[in-house]
Amino acid sequence: TGRPIPVNVRILAATNKNLQEEIRH
């Protein structure tokens, strides 16, 4: 359609990984 759907969402994220280490790799 080419018409994006607007969304109003609050995002909470969780991880047990070291994301800075994941970024380096």
mmCIF file of all heavy atoms, coordinates in Angstrom:
data_MODEL
# 
_entry.id   MODEL 
# 
loop_
_atom_site.group_PDB 
_atom_site.id 
_atom_site.type_symbol 
_atom_site.label_atom_id 
_atom_site.label_alt_id 
_atom_site.label_comp_id 
_atom_site.label_asym_id 
_atom_site.label_entity_id 
_atom_site.label_seq_id 
_atom_site.pdbx_PDB_ins_code 
_atom_site.Cartn_x 
_atom_site.Cartn_y 
_atom_site.Cartn_z 
_atom_site.occupancy 
_atom_site.B_iso_or_equiv 
_atom_site.pdbx_formal_charge 
_atom_site.auth_seq_id 
_atom_site.auth_comp_id 
_atom_site.auth_asym_id 
_atom_site.auth_atom_id 
_atom_site.pdbx_PDB_model_num 
ATOM 1   N N   . THR A 1 1  ? 0.817  -1.219  0.000  1.00 0.00 ? 1  THR A N   1 
ATOM 2   C CA  . THR A 1 1  ? 0.000  0.000   0.000  1.00 0.00 ? 1  THR A CA  1 
ATOM 3   C C   . THR A 1 1  ? 0.847  1.263   0.000  1.00 0.00 ? 1  THR A C   1 
ATOM 4   O O   . THR A 1 1  ? 0.417  2.301   -0.480 1.00 0.00 ? 1  THR A O   1 
ATOM 5   C CB  . THR A 1 1  ? -0.923 0.033   1.225  1.00 0.00 ? 1  THR A CB  1 
ATOM 6   O OG1 . THR A 1 1  ? -0.126 0.098   2.423  1.00 0.00 ? 1  THR A OG1 1 
ATOM 7   C CG2 . THR A 1 1  ? -1.804 -1.218  1.270  1.00 0.00 ? 1  THR A CG2 1 
ATOM 8   N N   . GLY A 1 2  ? 2.056  1.179   0.561  1.00 0.00 ? 2  GLY A N   1 
ATOM 9   C CA  . GLY A 1 2  ? 2.887  2.364   0.670  1.00 0.00 ? 2  GLY A CA  1 
ATOM 10  C C   . GLY A 1 2  ? 2.426  3.315   1.745  1.00 0.00 ? 2  GLY A C   1 
ATOM 11  O O   . GLY A 1 2  ? 2.912  4.444   1.834  1.00 0.00 ? 2  GLY A O   1 
ATOM 12  N N   . ARG A 1 3  ? 1.482  2.874   2.572  1.00 0.00 ? 3  ARG A N   1 
ATOM 13  C CA  . ARG A 1 3  ? 0.963  3.712   3.655  1.00 0.00 ? 3  ARG A CA  1 
ATOM 14  C C   . ARG A 1 3  ? 1.387  3.110   4.997  1.00 0.00 ? 3  ARG A C   1 
ATOM 15  O O   . ARG A 1 3  ? 0.767  2.150   5.473  1.00 0.00 ? 3  ARG A O   1 
ATOM 16  C CB  . ARG A 1 3  ? -0.562 3.821   3.580  1.00 0.00 ? 3  ARG A CB  1 
ATOM 17  C CG  . ARG A 1 3  ? -1.054 4.556   2.344  1.00 0.00 ? 3  ARG A CG  1 
ATOM 18  C CD  . ARG A 1 3  ? -2.539 4.905   2.476  1.00 0.00 ? 3  ARG A CD  1 
ATOM 19  N NE  . ARG A 1 3  ? -3.347 3.706   2.616  1.00 0.00 ? 3  ARG A NE  1 
ATOM 20  C CZ  . ARG A 1 3  ? -3.876 3.046   1.590  1.00 0.00 ? 3  ARG A CZ  1 
ATOM 21  N NH1 . ARG A 1 3  ? -3.655 3.444   0.339  1.00 0.00 ? 3  ARG A NH1 1 
ATOM 22  N NH2 . ARG A 1 3  ? -4.617 1.973   1.793  1.00 0.00 ? 3  ARG A NH2 1 
ATOM 23  N N   . PRO A 1 4  ? 2.429  3.640   5.618  1.00 0.00 ? 4  PRO A N   1 
ATOM 24  C CA  . PRO A 1 4  ? 2.877  3.109   6.912  1.00 0.00 ? 4  PRO A CA  1 
ATOM 25  C C   . PRO A 1 4  ? 1.802  3.253   7.983  1.00 0.00 ? 4  PRO A C   1 
ATOM 26  O O   . PRO A 1 4  ? 0.980  4.167   7.940  1.00 0.00 ? 4  PRO A O   1 
ATOM 27  C CB  . PRO A 1 4  ? 4.104  3.963   7.243  1.00 0.00 ? 4  PRO A CB  1 
ATOM 28  C CG  . PRO A 1 4  ? 4.546  4.520   5.938  1.00 0.00 ? 4  PRO A CG  1 
ATOM 29  C CD  . PRO A 1 4  ? 3.293  4.723   5.138  1.00 0.00 ? 4  PRO A CD  1 
ATOM 30  N N   . ILE A 1 5  ? 1.821  2.339   8.942  1.00 0.00 ? 5  ILE A N   1 
ATOM 31  C CA  . ILE A 1 5  ? 0.846  2.323   10.028 1.00 0.00 ? 5  ILE A CA  1 
ATOM 32  C C   . ILE A 1 5  ? 1.462  3.017   11.242 1.00 0.00 ? 5  ILE A C   1 
ATOM 33  O O   . ILE A 1 5  ? 2.515  2.601   11.734 1.00 0.00 ? 5  ILE A O   1 
ATOM 34  C CB  . ILE A 1 5  ? 0.466  0.881   10.387 1.00 0.00 ? 5  ILE A CB  1 
ATOM 35  C CG1 . ILE A 1 5  ? -0.129 0.177   9.167  1.00 0.00 ? 5  ILE A CG1 1 
ATOM 36  C CG2 . ILE A 1 5  ? -0.507 0.847   11.563 1.00 0.00 ? 5  ILE A CG2 1 
ATOM 37  C CD1 . ILE A 1 5  ? -0.265 -1.322  9.334  1.00 0.00 ? 5  ILE A CD1 1 
ATOM 38  N N   . PRO A 1 6  ? 0.850  4.104   11.747 1.00 0.00 ? 6  PRO A N   1 
ATOM 39  C CA  . PRO A 1 6  ? 1.408  4.776   12.928 1.00 0.00 ? 6  PRO A CA  1 
ATOM 40  C C   . PRO A 1 6  ? 1.210  3.937   14.188 1.00 0.00 ? 6  PRO A C   1 
ATOM 41  O O   . PRO A 1 6  ? 0.160  3.313   14.368 1.00 0.00 ? 6  PRO A O   1 
ATOM 42  C CB  . PRO A 1 6  ? 0.610  6.078   12.995 1.00 0.00 ? 6  PRO A CB  1 
ATOM 43  C CG  . PRO A 1 6  ? -0.680 5.772   12.307 1.00 0.00 ? 6  PRO A CG  1 
ATOM 44  C CD  . PRO A 1 6  ? -0.361 4.767   11.236 1.00 0.00 ? 6  PRO A CD  1 
ATOM 45  N N   . VAL A 1 7  ? 2.210  3.905   15.045 1.00 0.00 ? 7  VAL A N   1 
ATOM 46  C CA  . VAL A 1 7  ? 2.124  3.186   16.322 1.00 0.00 ? 7  VAL A CA  1 
ATOM 47  C C   . VAL A 1 7  ? 2.715  4.057   17.425 1.00 0.00 ? 7  VAL A C   1 
ATOM 48  O O   . VAL A 1 7  ? 3.700  4.754   17.219 1.00 0.00 ? 7  VAL A O   1 
ATOM 49  C CB  . VAL A 1 7  ? 2.852  1.820   16.289 1.00 0.00 ? 7  VAL A CB  1 
ATOM 50  C CG1 . VAL A 1 7  ? 2.085  0.812   15.469 1.00 0.00 ? 7  VAL A CG1 1 
ATOM 51  C CG2 . VAL A 1 7  ? 4.275  1.966   15.757 1.00 0.00 ? 7  VAL A CG2 1 
ATOM 52  N N   . ASN A 1 8  ? 2.086  4.009   18.578 1.00 0.00 ? 8  ASN A N   1 
ATOM 53  C CA  . ASN A 1 8  ? 2.556  4.742   19.756 1.00 0.00 ? 8  ASN A CA  1 
ATOM 54  C C   . ASN A 1 8  ? 2.840  3.713   20.838 1.00 0.00 ? 8  ASN A C   1 
ATOM 55  O O   . ASN A 1 8  ? 1.936  3.250   21.528 1.00 0.00 ? 8  ASN A O   1 
ATOM 56  C CB  . ASN A 1 8  ? 1.500  5.740   20.206 1.00 0.00 ? 8  ASN A CB  1 
ATOM 57  C CG  . ASN A 1 8  ? 1.945  6.550   21.418 1.00 0.00 ? 8  ASN A CG  1 
ATOM 58  O OD1 . ASN A 1 8  ? 2.971  6.259   22.036 1.00 0.00 ? 8  ASN A OD1 1 
ATOM 59  N ND2 . ASN A 1 8  ? 1.169  7.547   21.773 1.00 0.00 ? 8  ASN A ND2 1 
ATOM 60  N N   . VAL A 1 9  ? 4.091  3.342   20.957 1.00 0.00 ? 9  VAL A N   1 
ATOM 61  C CA  . VAL A 1 9  ? 4.481  2.236   21.836 1.00 0.00 ? 9  VAL A CA  1 
ATOM 62  C C   . VAL A 1 9  ? 5.659  2.651   22.697 1.00 0.00 ? 9  VAL A C   1 
ATOM 63  O O   . VAL A 1 9  ? 6.603  3.278   22.212 1.00 0.00 ? 9  VAL A O   1 
ATOM 64  C CB  . VAL A 1 9  ? 4.873  0.992   21.007 1.00 0.00 ? 9  VAL A CB  1 
ATOM 65  C CG1 . VAL A 1 9  ? 5.413  -0.118  21.903 1.00 0.00 ? 9  VAL A CG1 1 
ATOM 66  C CG2 . VAL A 1 9  ? 3.681  0.478   20.212 1.00 0.00 ? 9  VAL A CG2 1 
ATOM 67  N N   . ARG A 1 10 ? 5.582  2.299   23.985 1.00 0.00 ? 10 ARG A N   1 
ATOM 68  C CA  . ARG A 1 10 ? 6.759  2.463   24.837 1.00 0.00 ? 10 ARG A CA  1 
ATOM 69  C C   . ARG A 1 10 ? 7.535  1.152   24.810 1.00 0.00 ? 10 ARG A C   1 
ATOM 70  O O   . ARG A 1 10 ? 6.966  0.079   25.020 1.00 0.00 ? 10 ARG A O   1 
ATOM 71  C CB  . ARG A 1 10 ? 6.366  2.779   26.273 1.00 0.00 ? 10 ARG A CB  1 
ATOM 72  C CG  . ARG A 1 10 ? 7.615  3.015   27.142 1.00 0.00 ? 10 ARG A CG  1 
ATOM 73  C CD  . ARG A 1 10 ? 7.308  3.190   28.586 1.00 0.00 ? 10 ARG A CD  1 
ATOM 74  N NE  . ARG A 1 10 ? 8.463  3.727   29.289 1.00 0.00 ? 10 ARG A NE  1 
ATOM 75  C CZ  . ARG A 1 10 ? 8.451  4.083   30.562 1.00 0.00 ? 10 ARG A CZ  1 
ATOM 76  N NH1 . ARG A 1 10 ? 7.343  3.972   31.273 1.00 0.00 ? 10 ARG A NH1 1 
ATOM 77  N NH2 . ARG A 1 10 ? 9.533  4.559   31.143 1.00 0.00 ? 10 ARG A NH2 1 
ATOM 78  N N   . ILE A 1 11 ? 8.834  1.243   24.606 1.00 0.00 ? 11 ILE A N   1 
ATOM 79  C CA  . ILE A 1 11 ? 9.653  0.040   24.471 1.00 0.00 ? 11 ILE A CA  1 
ATOM 80  C C   . ILE A 1 11 ? 10.523 -0.155  25.706 1.00 0.00 ? 11 ILE A C   1 
ATOM 81  O O   . ILE A 1 11 ? 11.258 0.732   26.120 1.00 0.00 ? 11 ILE A O   1 
ATOM 82  C CB  . ILE A 1 11 ? 10.543 0.124   23.217 1.00 0.00 ? 11 ILE A CB  1 
ATOM 83  C CG1 . ILE A 1 11 ? 9.666  0.168   21.963 1.00 0.00 ? 11 ILE A CG1 1 
ATOM 84  C CG2 . ILE A 1 11 ? 11.496 -1.065  23.155 1.00 0.00 ? 11 ILE A CG2 1 
ATOM 85  C CD1 . ILE A 1 11 ? 10.446 0.324   20.684 1.00 0.00 ? 11 ILE A CD1 1 
ATOM 86  N N   . LEU A 1 12 ? 10.396 -1.348  26.275 1.00 0.00 ? 12 LEU A N   1 
ATOM 87  C CA  . LEU A 1 12 ? 11.295 -1.816  27.328 1.00 0.00 ? 12 LEU A CA  1 
ATOM 88  C C   . LEU A 1 12 ? 12.037 -3.019  26.764 1.00 0.00 ? 12 LEU A C   1 
ATOM 89  O O   . LEU A 1 12 ? 11.426 -3.877  26.123 1.00 0.00 ? 12 LEU A O   1 
ATOM 90  C CB  . LEU A 1 12 ? 10.515 -2.219  28.579 1.00 0.00 ? 12 LEU A CB  1 
ATOM 91  C CG  . LEU A 1 12 ? 9.514  -1.205  29.147 1.00 0.00 ? 12 LEU A CG  1 
ATOM 92  C CD1 . LEU A 1 12 ? 8.791  -1.801  30.347 1.00 0.00 ? 12 LEU A CD1 1 
ATOM 93  C CD2 . LEU A 1 12 ? 10.211 0.091   29.533 1.00 0.00 ? 12 LEU A CD2 1 
ATOM 94  N N   . ALA A 1 13 ? 13.323 -3.088  26.971 1.00 0.00 ? 13 ALA A N   1 
ATOM 95  C CA  . ALA A 1 13 ? 14.116 -4.201  26.452 1.00 0.00 ? 13 ALA A CA  1 
ATOM 96  C C   . ALA A 1 13 ? 14.925 -4.817  27.578 1.00 0.00 ? 13 ALA A C   1 
ATOM 97  O O   . ALA A 1 13 ? 15.252 -4.153  28.563 1.00 0.00 ? 13 ALA A O   1 
ATOM 98  C CB  . ALA A 1 13 ? 15.040 -3.724  25.327 1.00 0.00 ? 13 ALA A CB  1 
ATOM 99  N N   . ALA A 1 14 ? 15.231 -6.103  27.424 1.00 0.00 ? 14 ALA A N   1 
ATOM 100 C CA  . ALA A 1 14 ? 16.021 -6.804  28.440 1.00 0.00 ? 14 ALA A CA  1 
ATOM 101 C C   . ALA A 1 14 ? 16.969 -7.775  27.757 1.00 0.00 ? 14 ALA A C   1 
ATOM 102 O O   . ALA A 1 14 ? 16.667 -8.305  26.675 1.00 0.00 ? 14 ALA A O   1 
ATOM 103 C CB  . ALA A 1 14 ? 15.113 -7.553  29.418 1.00 0.00 ? 14 ALA A CB  1 
ATOM 104 N N   . THR A 1 15 ? 18.107 -7.997  28.369 1.00 0.00 ? 15 THR A N   1 
ATOM 105 C CA  . THR A 1 15 ? 19.063 -8.953  27.832 1.00 0.00 ? 15 THR A CA  1 
ATOM 106 C C   . THR A 1 15 ? 19.999 -9.431  28.932 1.00 0.00 ? 15 THR A C   1 
ATOM 107 O O   . THR A 1 15 ? 20.245 -8.715  29.905 1.00 0.00 ? 15 THR A O   1 
ATOM 108 C CB  . THR A 1 15 ? 19.884 -8.340  26.685 1.00 0.00 ? 15 THR A CB  1 
ATOM 109 O OG1 . THR A 1 15 ? 20.763 -9.331  26.145 1.00 0.00 ? 15 THR A OG1 1 
ATOM 110 C CG2 . THR A 1 15 ? 20.707 -7.162  27.168 1.00 0.00 ? 15 THR A CG2 1 
ATOM 111 N N   . ASN A 1 16 ? 20.507 -10.639 28.761 1.00 0.00 ? 16 ASN A N   1 
ATOM 112 C CA  . ASN A 1 16 ? 21.531 -11.148 29.665 1.00 0.00 ? 16 ASN A CA  1 
ATOM 113 C C   . ASN A 1 16 ? 22.914 -11.059 29.023 1.00 0.00 ? 16 ASN A C   1 
ATOM 114 O O   . ASN A 1 16 ? 23.905 -11.510 29.595 1.00 0.00 ? 16 ASN A O   1 
ATOM 115 C CB  . ASN A 1 16 ? 21.235 -12.597 30.069 1.00 0.00 ? 16 ASN A CB  1 
ATOM 116 C CG  . ASN A 1 16 ? 21.297 -13.548 28.885 1.00 0.00 ? 16 ASN A CG  1 
ATOM 117 O OD1 . ASN A 1 16 ? 21.253 -13.122 27.734 1.00 0.00 ? 16 ASN A OD1 1 
ATOM 118 N ND2 . ASN A 1 16 ? 21.396 -14.837 29.152 1.00 0.00 ? 16 ASN A ND2 1 
ATOM 119 N N   . LYS A 1 17 ? 22.954 -10.478 27.819 1.00 0.00 ? 17 LYS A N   1 
ATOM 120 C CA  . LYS A 1 17 ? 24.212 -10.373 27.092 1.00 0.00 ? 17 LYS A CA  1 
ATOM 121 C C   . LYS A 1 17 ? 24.852 -9.005  27.327 1.00 0.00 ? 17 LYS A C   1 
ATOM 122 O O   . LYS A 1 17 ? 24.179 -8.032  27.660 1.00 0.00 ? 17 LYS A O   1 
ATOM 123 C CB  . LYS A 1 17 ? 23.980 -10.580 25.596 1.00 0.00 ? 17 LYS A CB  1 
ATOM 124 C CG  . LYS A 1 17 ? 23.589 -11.998 25.227 1.00 0.00 ? 17 LYS A CG  1 
ATOM 125 C CD  . LYS A 1 17 ? 23.519 -12.176 23.725 1.00 0.00 ? 17 LYS A CD  1 
ATOM 126 C CE  . LYS A 1 17 ? 23.262 -13.635 23.364 1.00 0.00 ? 17 LYS A CE  1 
ATOM 127 N NZ  . LYS A 1 17 ? 23.224 -13.831 21.907 1.00 0.00 ? 17 LYS A NZ  1 
ATOM 128 N N   . ASN A 1 18 ? 26.161 -8.956  27.097 1.00 0.00 ? 18 ASN A N   1 
ATOM 129 C CA  . ASN A 1 18 ? 26.896 -7.697  27.116 1.00 0.00 ? 18 ASN A CA  1 
ATOM 130 C C   . ASN A 1 18 ? 26.758 -7.093  25.712 1.00 0.00 ? 18 ASN A C   1 
ATOM 131 O O   . ASN A 1 18 ? 27.459 -7.485  24.783 1.00 0.00 ? 18 ASN A O   1 
ATOM 132 C CB  . ASN A 1 18 ? 28.358 -7.940  27.466 1.00 0.00 ? 18 ASN A CB  1 
ATOM 133 C CG  . ASN A 1 18 ? 29.155 -6.653  27.582 1.00 0.00 ? 18 ASN A CG  1 
ATOM 134 O OD1 . ASN A 1 18 ? 28.836 -5.649  26.953 1.00 0.00 ? 18 ASN A OD1 1 
ATOM 135 N ND2 . ASN A 1 18 ? 30.217 -6.686  28.379 1.00 0.00 ? 18 ASN A ND2 1 
ATOM 136 N N   . LEU A 1 19 ? 25.844 -6.147  25.552 1.00 0.00 ? 19 LEU A N   1 
ATOM 137 C CA  . LEU A 1 19 ? 25.565 -5.623  24.220 1.00 0.00 ? 19 LEU A CA  1 
ATOM 138 C C   . LEU A 1 19 ? 26.745 -4.851  23.633 1.00 0.00 ? 19 LEU A C   1 
ATOM 139 O O   . LEU A 1 19 ? 26.918 -4.824  22.417 1.00 0.00 ? 19 LEU A O   1 
ATOM 140 C CB  . LEU A 1 19 ? 24.316 -4.734  24.255 1.00 0.00 ? 19 LEU A CB  1 
ATOM 141 C CG  . LEU A 1 19 ? 22.992 -5.461  24.508 1.00 0.00 ? 19 LEU A CG  1 
ATOM 142 C CD1 . LEU A 1 19 ? 21.822 -4.506  24.329 1.00 0.00 ? 19 LEU A CD1 1 
ATOM 143 C CD2 . LEU A 1 19 ? 22.826 -6.669  23.593 1.00 0.00 ? 19 LEU A CD2 1 
ATOM 144 N N   . GLN A 1 20 ? 27.557 -4.239  24.479 1.00 0.00 ? 20 GLN A N   1 
ATOM 145 C CA  . GLN A 1 20 ? 28.735 -3.547  23.952 1.00 0.00 ? 20 GLN A CA  1 
ATOM 146 C C   . GLN A 1 20 ? 29.716 -4.547  23.338 1.00 0.00 ? 20 GLN A C   1 
ATOM 147 O O   . GLN A 1 20 ? 30.347 -4.253  22.314 1.00 0.00 ? 20 GLN A O   1 
ATOM 148 C CB  . GLN A 1 20 ? 29.393 -2.731  25.056 1.00 0.00 ? 20 GLN A CB  1 
ATOM 149 C CG  . GLN A 1 20 ? 28.527 -1.560  25.517 1.00 0.00 ? 20 GLN A CG  1 
ATOM 150 C CD  . GLN A 1 20 ? 29.175 -0.730  26.587 1.00 0.00 ? 20 GLN A CD  1 
ATOM 151 O OE1 . GLN A 1 20 ? 30.006 -1.229  27.345 1.00 0.00 ? 20 GLN A OE1 1 
ATOM 152 N NE2 . GLN A 1 20 ? 28.804 0.542   26.660 1.00 0.00 ? 20 GLN A NE2 1 
ATOM 153 N N   . GLU A 1 21 ? 29.799 -5.722  23.947 1.00 0.00 ? 21 GLU A N   1 
ATOM 154 C CA  . GLU A 1 21 ? 30.624 -6.787  23.369 1.00 0.00 ? 21 GLU A CA  1 
ATOM 155 C C   . GLU A 1 21 ? 30.013 -7.292  22.068 1.00 0.00 ? 21 GLU A C   1 
ATOM 156 O O   . GLU A 1 21 ? 30.723 -7.563  21.082 1.00 0.00 ? 21 GLU A O   1 
ATOM 157 C CB  . GLU A 1 21 ? 30.760 -7.938  24.374 1.00 0.00 ? 21 GLU A CB  1 
ATOM 158 C CG  . GLU A 1 21 ? 31.720 -9.038  23.947 1.00 0.00 ? 21 GLU A CG  1 
ATOM 159 C CD  . GLU A 1 21 ? 33.170 -8.597  23.980 1.00 0.00 ? 21 GLU A CD  1 
ATOM 160 O OE1 . GLU A 1 21 ? 33.501 -7.607  24.670 1.00 0.00 ? 21 GLU A OE1 1 
ATOM 161 O OE2 . GLU A 1 21 ? 33.978 -9.233  23.288 1.00 0.00 ? 21 GLU A OE2 1 
ATOM 162 N N   . GLU A 1 22 ? 28.684 -7.405  22.028 1.00 0.00 ? 22 GLU A N   1 
ATOM 163 C CA  . GLU A 1 22 ? 27.987 -7.826  20.807 1.00 0.00 ? 22 GLU A CA  1 
ATOM 164 C C   . GLU A 1 22 ? 28.200 -6.800  19.695 1.00 0.00 ? 22 GLU A C   1 
ATOM 165 O O   . GLU A 1 22 ? 28.348 -7.159  18.529 1.00 0.00 ? 22 GLU A O   1 
ATOM 166 C CB  . GLU A 1 22 ? 26.495 -7.985  21.084 1.00 0.00 ? 22 GLU A CB  1 
ATOM 167 C CG  . GLU A 1 22 ? 26.144 -9.076  22.081 1.00 0.00 ? 22 GLU A CG  1 
ATOM 168 C CD  . GLU A 1 22 ? 26.510 -10.461 21.564 1.00 0.00 ? 22 GLU A CD  1 
ATOM 169 O OE1 . GLU A 1 22 ? 25.970 -10.850 20.508 1.00 0.00 ? 22 GLU A OE1 1 
ATOM 170 O OE2 . GLU A 1 22 ? 27.329 -11.134 22.215 1.00 0.00 ? 22 GLU A OE2 1 
ATOM 171 N N   . ILE A 1 23 ? 28.233 -5.519  20.038 1.00 0.00 ? 23 ILE A N   1 
ATOM 172 C CA  . ILE A 1 23 ? 28.482 -4.468  19.054 1.00 0.00 ? 23 ILE A CA  1 
ATOM 173 C C   . ILE A 1 23 ? 29.879 -4.620  18.460 1.00 0.00 ? 23 ILE A C   1 
ATOM 174 O O   . ILE A 1 23 ? 30.080 -4.515  17.239 1.00 0.00 ? 23 ILE A O   1 
ATOM 175 C CB  . ILE A 1 23 ? 28.311 -3.076  19.700 1.00 0.00 ? 23 ILE A CB  1 
ATOM 176 C CG1 . ILE A 1 23 ? 26.842 -2.823  20.031 1.00 0.00 ? 23 ILE A CG1 1 
ATOM 177 C CG2 . ILE A 1 23 ? 28.842 -1.979  18.773 1.00 0.00 ? 23 ILE A CG2 1 
ATOM 178 C CD1 . ILE A 1 23 ? 26.608 -1.605  20.908 1.00 0.00 ? 23 ILE A CD1 1 
ATOM 179 N N   . ARG A 1 24 ? 30.863 -4.888  19.309 1.00 0.00 ? 24 ARG A N   1 
ATOM 180 C CA  . ARG A 1 24 ? 32.243 -5.036  18.826 1.00 0.00 ? 24 ARG A CA  1 
ATOM 181 C C   . ARG A 1 24 ? 32.381 -6.197  17.846 1.00 0.00 ? 24 ARG A C   1 
ATOM 182 O O   . ARG A 1 24 ? 33.231 -6.165  16.956 1.00 0.00 ? 24 ARG A O   1 
ATOM 183 C CB  . ARG A 1 24 ? 33.192 -5.227  20.015 1.00 0.00 ? 24 ARG A CB  1 
ATOM 184 C CG  . ARG A 1 24 ? 33.522 -3.938  20.740 1.00 0.00 ? 24 ARG A CG  1 
ATOM 185 C CD  . ARG A 1 24 ? 34.688 -4.113  21.691 1.00 0.00 ? 24 ARG A CD  1 
ATOM 186 N NE  . ARG A 1 24 ? 34.323 -4.890  22.855 1.00 0.00 ? 24 ARG A NE  1 
ATOM 187 C CZ  . ARG A 1 24 ? 33.819 -4.381  23.979 1.00 0.00 ? 24 ARG A CZ  1 
ATOM 188 N NH1 . ARG A 1 24 ? 33.606 -3.083  24.064 1.00 0.00 ? 24 ARG A NH1 1 
ATOM 189 N NH2 . ARG A 1 24 ? 33.529 -5.147  24.996 1.00 0.00 ? 24 ARG A NH2 1 
ATOM 190 N N   . HIS A 1 25 ? 31.535 -7.219  18.017 1.00 0.00 ? 25 HIS A N   1 
ATOM 191 C CA  . HIS A 1 25 ? 31.594 -8.380  17.121 1.00 0.00 ? 25 HIS A CA  1 
ATOM 192 C C   . HIS A 1 25 ? 30.609 -8.261  15.955 1.00 0.00 ? 25 HIS A C   1 
ATOM 193 O O   . HIS A 1 25 ? 30.420 -9.225  15.205 1.00 0.00 ? 25 HIS A O   1 
ATOM 194 C CB  . HIS A 1 25 ? 31.321 -9.664  17.907 1.00 0.00 ? 25 HIS A CB  1 
ATOM 195 C CG  . HIS A 1 25 ? 32.446 -10.065 18.818 1.00 0.00 ? 25 HIS A CG  1 
ATOM 196 N ND1 . HIS A 1 25 ? 32.562 -9.590  20.102 1.00 0.00 ? 25 HIS A ND1 1 
ATOM 197 C CD2 . HIS A 1 25 ? 33.510 -10.882 18.618 1.00 0.00 ? 25 HIS A CD2 1 
ATOM 198 C CE1 . HIS A 1 25 ? 33.641 -10.104 20.671 1.00 0.00 ? 25 HIS A CE1 1 
ATOM 199 N NE2 . HIS A 1 25 ? 34.245 -10.888 19.795 1.00 0.00 ? 25 HIS A NE2 1 
# 
